[in-house]
């Protein structure tokens, strides 16, 4: 008797992204209750399981969904409004726009369009730092998409939600207390914008709050030289030095960017188990520099990939970030600096590990959540295929994604979104603009 399963994806090559980098030729993935229960040869799994729903992936590549380890999704509202400026000029312009524009309804509109864009691009999970996170989470839940969000701290005048710091701390505590029953593949998150928008005492308090609730703490740090100089002039320490001195760094912390780092700071990240979200497209576009990713990897630091918001990178395309991560570090003269396999892992399992979810996401293995994508390999730019990692890192595009599955639910089949009305989402986005 065949065992019943909810979904069987079969017939294509399956890149599991397990520790061995296994590729199952003409493989299959079986899913029950949102969890992968088996991955192996199609013949074996079709004989063992009877599926309620199937995806025929013949001629395609099946791989884990991509993880966007740092973004601001509702910045889709502002796409194209702050280009060709420095980070500081960007912040000045965007903070003013946010104060005037943002509301729960507008954030929901921005996130709905961002989810549509992400699902099309094969992104199945995102860590989203932004205002009105409750609205963002409602949209993601309706669409069946994996969004990690939570309270955001940024002590600036005219914050969009109008909360003072003291009120924000109590609000955040209530929010975190209500998350005791997080769904599989999720975890609570607290967002502290940076060491230049929050004081040392505030950073200490926010870190303590996050740890009280077992939450991931996510911050921007060392994004460019001007930020580093600003923090050093104010507190006598560079951002990562300051975070280390304050006891903020740790295995429950993920830093975005980490571009301007010294050797001792890299050692501090490795010593404390702090992870990094590398955002190469945003860093290049804002003229911030190139993060020392090869040195971080050599030191043993976990590095995932992020797109940043659609203002600074203009897309939410993790394939683009993957390609840039594989290419830009070679510019120093070492073509092995970030190899293709490493870049793909940064977009999948290493991103999941950076979120503290590597045991639940990021690879196609039994016991993990069923987040996967099917990549159409029938186009000329993907032939011939001598190496699957190189195909993904150097040749594949987000437009090659045919099907997207999150928690075993098909969110895109044959390039048609199944849980979002894309036309309505875009109309809402345009109405806000």
Protein backbone atom coordinates (compact mmCIF):
# COMPACT_ATOMS: atom_id res chain seq x y z
CA UNK A 1 0.00 0.00 0.00
CA UNK A 2 1.32 3.45 -0.94
CA UNK A 3 1.60 6.01 1.82
CA UNK A 4 -0.46 9.16 1.28
CA UNK A 5 1.39 12.47 0.87
CA UNK A 6 0.17 15.94 0.07
CA UNK A 7 2.65 16.76 -2.69
CA UNK A 8 5.17 14.94 -4.82
CA UNK A 9 7.60 16.95 -6.96
CA UNK A 10 9.19 14.50 -9.36
CA UNK A 11 11.12 13.91 -12.55
CA UNK A 12 13.72 16.65 -12.39
CA UNK A 13 17.23 16.69 -10.99
CA UNK A 14 17.10 17.49 -7.28
CA UNK A 15 19.87 19.63 -5.80
CA UNK A 16 19.44 18.94 -2.09
CA UNK A 17 22.12 21.39 -0.83
CA UNK A 18 22.87 18.91 1.95
CA UNK A 19 26.36 18.82 3.44
CA UNK A 20 27.57 16.50 0.68
CA UNK A 21 26.06 18.62 -2.11
CA UNK A 22 24.03 15.65 -3.31
CA UNK A 23 22.29 15.81 -6.69
CA UNK A 24 19.59 13.20 -7.33
CA UNK A 25 19.22 12.63 -11.05
CA UNK A 26 15.56 12.25 -12.01
CA UNK A 27 14.74 12.76 -8.38
CA UNK A 28 11.67 13.54 -6.33
CA UNK A 29 10.64 15.21 -3.08
CA UNK A 30 7.66 13.99 -1.03
CA UNK A 31 5.80 16.37 1.28
CA UNK A 32 3.28 15.83 4.06
CA UNK A 33 1.87 18.53 6.37
CA UNK A 34 4.34 21.08 5.03
CA UNK A 35 7.35 18.90 5.84
CA UNK A 36 9.70 17.01 3.56
CA UNK A 37 9.38 13.33 4.40
CA UNK A 38 11.69 11.99 1.68
CA UNK A 39 13.96 13.01 -1.17
CA UNK A 40 15.31 10.41 -3.59
CA UNK A 41 14.94 8.80 -7.01
CA UNK A 42 11.58 9.39 -8.69
CA UNK A 43 10.94 5.66 -9.25
CA UNK A 44 11.40 4.83 -5.58
CA UNK A 45 9.26 7.68 -4.27
CA UNK A 46 6.44 7.18 -6.79
CA UNK A 47 6.28 3.52 -5.78
CA UNK A 48 6.23 4.41 -2.07
CA UNK A 49 3.88 7.41 -2.00
CA UNK A 50 0.48 8.35 -3.41
CA UNK A 51 0.25 12.11 -3.74
CA UNK A 52 -2.84 14.29 -3.60
CA UNK A 53 -1.03 16.84 -5.76
CA UNK A 54 1.97 16.53 -8.07
CA UNK A 55 4.43 18.75 -9.88
CA UNK A 56 6.08 17.20 -12.91
CA UNK A 57 9.59 18.67 -12.88
CA UNK A 58 10.90 16.74 -15.87
CA UNK A 59 13.63 18.73 -17.63
CA UNK A 60 13.92 21.03 -14.62
CA UNK A 61 16.06 21.50 -11.53
CA UNK A 62 14.47 21.28 -8.08
CA UNK A 63 16.30 23.13 -5.32
CA UNK A 64 15.63 24.75 -1.96
CA UNK A 65 13.82 28.07 -2.01
CA UNK A 66 16.08 31.09 -1.75
CA UNK A 67 16.44 32.94 1.56
CA UNK A 68 16.53 36.75 1.58
CA UNK A 69 18.46 37.36 4.80
CA UNK A 70 18.08 41.15 4.83
CA UNK A 71 15.40 43.28 3.23
CA UNK A 72 12.83 46.04 3.75
CA UNK A 73 9.95 44.71 1.68
CA UNK A 74 7.57 47.67 1.72
CA UNK A 75 10.28 49.85 0.21
CA UNK A 76 8.76 48.70 -3.07
CA UNK A 77 6.67 51.83 -2.48
CA UNK A 78 9.77 53.98 -2.97
CA UNK A 79 11.55 52.08 -5.75
CA UNK A 80 13.46 54.48 -8.00
CA UNK A 81 13.12 57.47 -5.68
CA UNK A 82 16.61 57.52 -4.16
CA UNK A 83 19.09 56.43 -6.82
CA UNK A 84 22.69 57.48 -7.46
CA UNK A 85 23.26 58.90 -3.98
CA UNK A 86 25.52 57.96 -1.07
CA UNK A 87 24.20 55.94 1.86
CA UNK A 88 23.83 59.10 3.93
CA UNK A 89 22.03 60.93 1.12
CA UNK A 90 19.85 57.87 0.63
CA UNK A 91 18.88 57.78 4.31
CA UNK A 92 18.08 61.48 4.41
CA UNK A 93 15.77 61.15 1.44
CA UNK A 94 14.11 57.87 2.44
CA UNK A 95 13.51 58.79 6.10
CA UNK A 96 11.66 61.91 4.98
CA UNK A 97 9.55 59.94 2.52
CA UNK A 98 8.73 57.26 5.07
CA UNK A 99 7.56 59.81 7.65
CA UNK A 100 5.15 61.26 5.10
CA UNK A 101 3.96 58.07 3.39
CA UNK A 102 3.92 55.07 5.67
CA UNK A 103 0.82 53.63 7.32
CA UNK A 104 -0.29 50.05 7.97
CA UNK A 105 -2.39 50.13 4.79
CA UNK A 106 0.45 51.44 2.66
CA UNK A 107 2.92 48.94 4.10
CA UNK A 108 0.46 46.15 3.31
CA UNK A 109 0.28 47.33 -0.30
CA UNK A 110 4.04 47.50 -0.59
CA UNK A 111 4.52 44.07 0.94
CA UNK A 112 1.84 42.45 -1.22
CA UNK A 113 3.71 43.55 -4.35
CA UNK A 114 7.02 42.48 -2.76
CA UNK A 115 5.67 39.00 -2.03
CA UNK A 116 4.52 38.65 -5.64
CA UNK A 117 7.96 39.73 -6.85
CA UNK A 118 9.72 37.38 -4.43
CA UNK A 119 7.60 34.33 -5.22
CA UNK A 120 8.27 34.89 -8.92
CA UNK A 121 11.99 35.07 -8.15
CA UNK A 122 12.07 31.82 -6.18
CA UNK A 123 12.48 33.49 -2.79
CA UNK A 124 10.59 31.49 -0.16
CA UNK A 125 11.77 33.22 3.04
CA UNK A 126 12.69 36.78 3.96
CA UNK A 127 13.88 38.64 7.05
CA UNK A 128 12.03 41.94 6.84
CA UNK A 129 13.05 44.96 8.94
CA UNK A 130 10.41 47.66 8.61
CA UNK A 131 7.68 49.70 10.19
CA UNK A 132 4.17 48.31 10.81
CA UNK A 133 5.36 44.72 10.74
CA UNK A 134 1.92 43.47 11.80
CA UNK A 135 0.50 44.57 8.45
CA UNK A 136 3.35 42.86 6.60
CA UNK A 137 2.82 39.61 8.48
CA UNK A 138 -0.90 39.59 7.70
CA UNK A 139 -0.19 39.92 3.98
CA UNK A 140 2.44 37.16 4.04
CA UNK A 141 0.16 34.85 6.01
CA UNK A 142 -2.67 35.33 3.51
CA UNK A 143 -0.29 34.48 0.67
CA UNK A 144 1.26 31.49 2.47
CA UNK A 145 4.73 33.01 2.26
CA UNK A 146 7.46 32.74 4.92
CA UNK A 147 8.10 36.21 6.36
CA UNK A 148 10.16 36.76 9.50
CA UNK A 149 9.32 40.10 11.06
CA UNK A 150 8.92 41.75 14.43
CA UNK A 151 9.32 44.96 16.40
CA UNK A 152 11.72 47.52 14.93
CA UNK A 153 13.69 50.05 16.98
CA UNK A 154 15.02 53.22 15.36
CA UNK A 155 15.18 56.31 17.58
CA UNK A 156 14.60 59.04 15.00
CA UNK A 157 12.35 62.12 14.99
CA UNK A 158 8.98 61.72 13.28
CA UNK A 159 8.98 57.93 13.20
CA UNK A 160 6.16 56.68 10.95
CA UNK A 161 4.34 54.93 13.80
CA UNK A 162 4.77 57.85 16.24
CA UNK A 163 5.99 55.68 19.12
CA UNK A 164 8.54 57.07 21.57
CA UNK A 165 11.33 54.73 22.65
CA UNK A 166 9.83 53.89 26.07
CA UNK A 167 6.43 53.11 24.58
CA UNK A 168 8.12 51.09 21.83
CA UNK A 169 9.82 48.84 24.37
CA UNK A 170 6.53 47.97 26.08
CA UNK A 171 4.82 47.44 22.72
CA UNK A 172 7.66 45.15 21.62
CA UNK A 173 7.40 43.13 24.82
CA UNK A 174 3.68 42.56 24.23
CA UNK A 175 4.35 41.59 20.61
CA UNK A 176 7.00 39.05 21.57
CA UNK A 177 4.91 37.60 24.41
CA UNK A 178 2.14 36.89 21.91
CA UNK A 179 4.52 34.81 19.74
CA UNK A 180 4.89 31.82 22.06
CA UNK A 181 3.26 29.54 19.48
CA UNK A 182 5.40 30.37 16.44
CA UNK A 183 4.72 28.10 13.46
CA UNK A 184 7.36 25.61 12.22
CA UNK A 185 10.05 27.38 10.24
CA UNK A 186 9.53 30.69 12.00
CA UNK A 187 11.12 32.36 15.02
CA UNK A 188 10.65 35.66 16.85
CA UNK A 189 12.84 38.54 15.67
CA UNK A 190 13.75 41.93 17.11
CA UNK A 191 15.19 44.62 14.85
CA UNK A 192 17.56 47.31 16.16
CA UNK A 193 18.33 49.59 13.25
CA UNK A 194 21.94 50.51 13.99
CA UNK A 195 24.51 51.97 16.37
CA UNK A 196 24.04 55.39 14.77
CA UNK A 197 20.26 55.56 15.34
CA UNK A 198 20.25 53.96 18.80
CA UNK A 199 22.34 54.75 21.89
CA UNK A 200 24.53 52.16 23.63
CA UNK A 201 22.03 51.91 26.50
CA UNK A 202 19.21 51.37 24.05
CA UNK A 203 21.18 48.68 22.21
CA UNK A 204 21.87 46.87 25.48
CA UNK A 205 18.19 47.00 26.41
CA UNK A 206 17.00 45.79 23.01
CA UNK A 207 19.50 42.91 23.03
CA UNK A 208 18.32 41.90 26.51
CA UNK A 209 14.71 41.97 25.32
CA UNK A 210 15.52 39.77 22.33
CA UNK A 211 17.35 37.25 24.49
CA UNK A 212 14.56 37.18 27.05
CA UNK A 213 12.27 35.86 24.33
CA UNK A 214 14.79 33.72 22.44
CA UNK A 215 14.53 36.03 19.44
CA UNK A 216 16.97 36.69 16.64
CA UNK A 217 18.44 40.20 16.89
CA UNK A 218 19.05 41.88 13.53
CA UNK A 219 21.00 45.14 13.03
CA UNK A 220 22.71 47.16 10.31
CA UNK A 221 26.43 47.52 11.02
CA UNK A 222 29.50 48.94 9.28
CA UNK A 223 27.69 49.59 6.01
CA UNK A 224 30.17 52.22 4.87
CA UNK A 225 33.16 54.27 6.05
CA UNK A 226 31.06 57.33 6.91
CA UNK A 227 28.85 55.30 9.25
CA UNK A 228 31.95 53.85 10.93
CA UNK A 229 33.47 57.31 11.38
CA UNK A 230 30.20 58.68 12.77
CA UNK A 231 29.89 55.96 15.41
CA UNK A 232 33.58 56.15 16.29
CA UNK A 233 33.41 59.92 16.76
CA UNK A 234 30.33 59.61 18.93
CA UNK A 235 31.28 56.64 21.12
CA UNK A 236 35.01 56.08 20.64
CA UNK A 237 34.44 52.69 19.03
CA UNK A 238 33.74 51.44 15.53
CA UNK A 239 30.25 49.87 15.18
CA UNK A 240 31.27 46.22 15.50
CA UNK A 241 33.77 47.08 18.24
CA UNK A 242 31.01 48.90 20.11
CA UNK A 243 28.53 46.04 19.72
CA UNK A 244 31.17 43.62 20.98
CA UNK A 245 32.03 45.83 23.96
CA UNK A 246 28.33 46.14 24.86
CA UNK A 247 27.83 42.37 24.79
CA UNK A 248 25.37 42.60 21.92
CA UNK A 249 27.15 40.22 19.52
CA UNK A 250 26.36 36.52 19.73
CA UNK A 251 25.02 33.43 17.94
CA UNK A 252 21.53 34.93 18.09
CA UNK A 253 22.63 38.06 16.18
CA UNK A 254 22.67 38.77 12.44
CA UNK A 255 24.39 41.88 11.10
CA UNK A 256 23.42 43.35 7.75
CA UNK A 257 26.18 44.55 5.39
CA UNK A 258 29.39 44.40 7.50
CA UNK A 259 31.35 46.09 4.72
CA UNK A 260 33.92 48.14 6.64
CA UNK A 261 35.56 45.67 9.02
CA UNK A 262 39.01 45.31 10.56
CA UNK A 263 40.77 42.03 11.22
CA UNK A 264 39.96 42.15 14.97
CA UNK A 265 36.30 42.85 14.16
CA UNK A 266 36.14 39.81 11.89
CA UNK A 267 37.69 37.79 14.70
CA UNK A 268 35.06 39.14 17.11
CA UNK A 269 32.25 38.03 14.80
CA UNK A 270 33.78 34.57 14.57
CA UNK A 271 34.42 34.36 18.34
CA UNK A 272 30.85 35.33 19.22
CA UNK A 273 29.13 33.29 16.49
CA UNK A 274 27.56 36.41 14.97
CA UNK A 275 26.28 35.96 11.40
CA UNK A 276 26.35 38.39 8.46
CA UNK A 277 23.84 39.13 5.69
CA UNK A 278 25.86 40.12 2.63
CA UNK A 279 24.05 42.57 0.31
CA UNK A 280 26.42 43.00 -2.64
CA UNK A 281 24.04 44.78 -5.03
CA UNK A 282 22.97 47.42 -2.51
CA UNK A 283 26.56 47.92 -1.33
CA UNK A 284 27.79 48.48 -4.87
CA UNK A 285 24.94 50.78 -5.88
CA UNK A 286 25.36 53.02 -2.82
CA UNK A 287 29.13 53.11 -3.25
CA UNK A 288 29.62 51.52 0.16
CA UNK A 289 32.37 49.16 -0.90
CA UNK A 290 32.74 45.40 -0.97
CA UNK A 291 32.29 43.38 2.21
CA UNK A 292 35.29 41.17 3.10
CA UNK A 293 33.29 37.99 2.56
CA UNK A 294 36.24 35.68 1.77
CA UNK A 295 37.90 36.73 5.04
CA UNK A 296 34.63 36.25 6.93
CA UNK A 297 34.23 32.77 5.47
CA UNK A 298 37.83 31.87 6.22
CA UNK A 299 37.24 32.93 9.83
CA UNK A 300 34.20 30.67 10.08
CA UNK A 301 31.53 33.37 10.08
CA UNK A 302 28.13 32.32 8.71
CA UNK A 303 27.27 34.50 5.70
CA UNK A 304 23.86 34.62 4.01
CA UNK A 305 22.62 36.85 1.19
CA UNK A 306 20.21 39.76 1.22
CA UNK A 307 18.82 42.13 -1.37
CA UNK A 308 18.26 45.05 1.02
CA UNK A 309 15.19 47.12 0.08
CA UNK A 310 13.94 47.81 -3.42
CA UNK A 311 15.13 51.40 -3.08
CA UNK A 312 18.81 50.66 -2.64
CA UNK A 313 18.97 47.54 -4.82
CA UNK A 314 15.88 48.19 -6.98
CA UNK A 315 14.93 44.49 -7.01
CA UNK A 316 14.24 41.70 -4.52
CA UNK A 317 16.11 39.24 -6.75
CA UNK A 318 18.31 36.89 -4.72
CA UNK A 319 19.58 35.28 -7.95
CA UNK A 320 21.10 38.68 -8.75
CA UNK A 321 22.66 38.89 -5.29
CA UNK A 322 24.00 35.35 -5.71
CA UNK A 323 25.65 36.19 -9.01
CA UNK A 324 27.20 39.38 -7.65
CA UNK A 325 28.48 37.54 -4.58
CA UNK A 326 30.12 34.97 -6.83
CA UNK A 327 31.69 37.62 -9.07
CA UNK A 328 32.58 40.77 -7.16
CA UNK A 329 35.04 39.17 -4.75
CA UNK A 330 37.05 37.81 -7.69
CA UNK A 331 37.95 41.40 -8.64
CA UNK A 332 40.89 41.32 -6.21
CA UNK A 333 42.51 38.71 -8.44
CA UNK A 334 41.43 35.40 -6.93
CA UNK A 335 38.84 33.58 -9.08
CA UNK A 336 38.25 31.11 -6.23
CA UNK A 337 37.38 33.84 -3.67
CA UNK A 338 33.67 32.95 -3.57
CA UNK A 339 33.10 29.88 -5.70
CA UNK A 340 29.79 29.03 -7.36
CA UNK A 341 28.81 26.40 -4.82
CA UNK A 342 29.55 28.78 -1.95
CA UNK A 343 27.37 31.47 -3.51
CA UNK A 344 24.45 29.06 -3.95
CA UNK A 345 24.83 27.89 -0.37
CA UNK A 346 24.83 31.51 0.82
CA UNK A 347 21.48 31.95 -0.93
CA UNK A 348 20.00 28.82 0.65
CA UNK A 349 21.35 26.86 3.62
CA UNK A 350 23.77 29.53 4.87
CA UNK A 351 20.99 32.10 4.76
CA UNK A 352 18.83 29.75 6.81
CA UNK A 353 21.67 29.27 9.29
CA UNK A 354 22.15 33.03 9.52
CA UNK A 355 18.50 33.23 10.64
CA UNK A 356 19.07 30.48 13.18
CA UNK A 357 16.81 28.18 11.15
CA UNK A 358 19.35 25.93 9.47
CA UNK A 359 17.80 22.86 11.06
CA UNK A 360 14.42 23.69 9.49
CA UNK A 361 15.10 25.47 6.20
CA UNK A 362 17.65 25.81 3.43
CA UNK A 363 18.04 22.27 2.08
CA UNK A 364 15.83 19.49 0.73
CA UNK A 365 16.17 16.90 3.47
CA UNK A 366 13.67 14.84 5.42
CA UNK A 367 12.38 16.70 8.47
CA UNK A 368 12.78 20.17 7.00
CA UNK A 369 10.01 22.47 5.86
CA UNK A 370 9.00 21.98 2.25
CA UNK A 371 10.28 25.22 0.73
CA UNK A 372 11.48 24.55 -2.81
CA UNK A 373 11.54 25.93 -6.32
CA UNK A 374 11.50 24.36 -9.76
CA UNK A 375 13.85 25.97 -12.28
CA UNK A 376 13.07 25.53 -15.97
CA UNK A 377 16.26 24.35 -17.67
CA UNK A 378 14.92 24.46 -21.21
CA UNK A 379 16.32 27.81 -22.26
CA UNK A 380 19.53 28.30 -24.30
CA UNK A 381 21.43 30.19 -21.58
CA UNK A 382 21.18 27.12 -19.31
CA UNK A 383 22.63 24.62 -21.81
CA UNK A 384 24.78 22.59 -21.64
CA UNK A 385 24.97 21.90 -17.91
CA UNK A 386 28.43 20.76 -16.92
CA UNK A 387 28.10 21.86 -13.29
CA UNK A 388 24.82 22.56 -11.53
CA UNK A 389 26.34 25.04 -9.05
CA UNK A 390 27.91 27.07 -11.86
CA UNK A 391 24.64 27.02 -13.80
CA UNK A 392 22.85 28.55 -10.83
CA UNK A 393 25.50 31.07 -9.81
CA UNK A 394 26.55 32.35 -13.22
CA UNK A 395 23.79 31.61 -15.76
CA UNK A 396 20.37 31.24 -14.13
CA UNK A 397 17.96 34.14 -13.70
CA UNK A 398 14.95 34.64 -11.49
CA UNK A 399 12.79 34.50 -14.63
CA UNK A 400 13.79 30.84 -14.99
CA UNK A 401 11.79 29.93 -11.87
CA UNK A 402 8.67 28.02 -12.96
CA UNK A 403 7.17 26.82 -9.66
CA UNK A 404 7.51 28.01 -6.06
CA UNK A 405 6.48 25.99 -3.00
CA UNK A 406 6.42 27.21 0.61
CA UNK A 407 5.54 24.87 3.48
CA UNK A 408 4.33 22.38 0.91
CA UNK A 409 1.86 24.84 -0.60
CA UNK A 410 2.23 25.76 -4.27
CA UNK A 411 2.41 29.57 -4.47
CA UNK A 412 3.35 29.63 -8.16
CA UNK A 413 2.62 26.93 -10.72
CA UNK A 414 3.79 27.28 -14.33
CA UNK A 415 4.69 30.93 -13.62
CA UNK A 416 1.16 31.77 -12.45
CA UNK A 417 0.75 32.98 -8.86
CA UNK A 418 -1.87 30.90 -7.05
CA UNK A 419 -2.36 32.75 -3.74
CA UNK A 420 -2.04 36.37 -4.84
CA UNK A 421 -3.89 38.41 -7.43
CA UNK A 422 -0.90 40.07 -9.05
CA UNK A 423 -2.93 42.64 -10.96
CA UNK A 424 -4.67 43.78 -7.78
CA UNK A 425 -1.35 43.90 -5.89
CA UNK A 426 0.23 46.13 -8.55
CA UNK A 427 -2.83 48.37 -8.74
CA UNK A 428 -2.68 48.87 -4.95
CA UNK A 429 1.02 49.68 -5.16
CA UNK A 430 0.48 52.24 -7.92
CA UNK A 431 -2.43 53.81 -6.01
CA UNK A 432 -0.15 54.55 -3.05
CA UNK A 433 2.54 56.07 -5.27
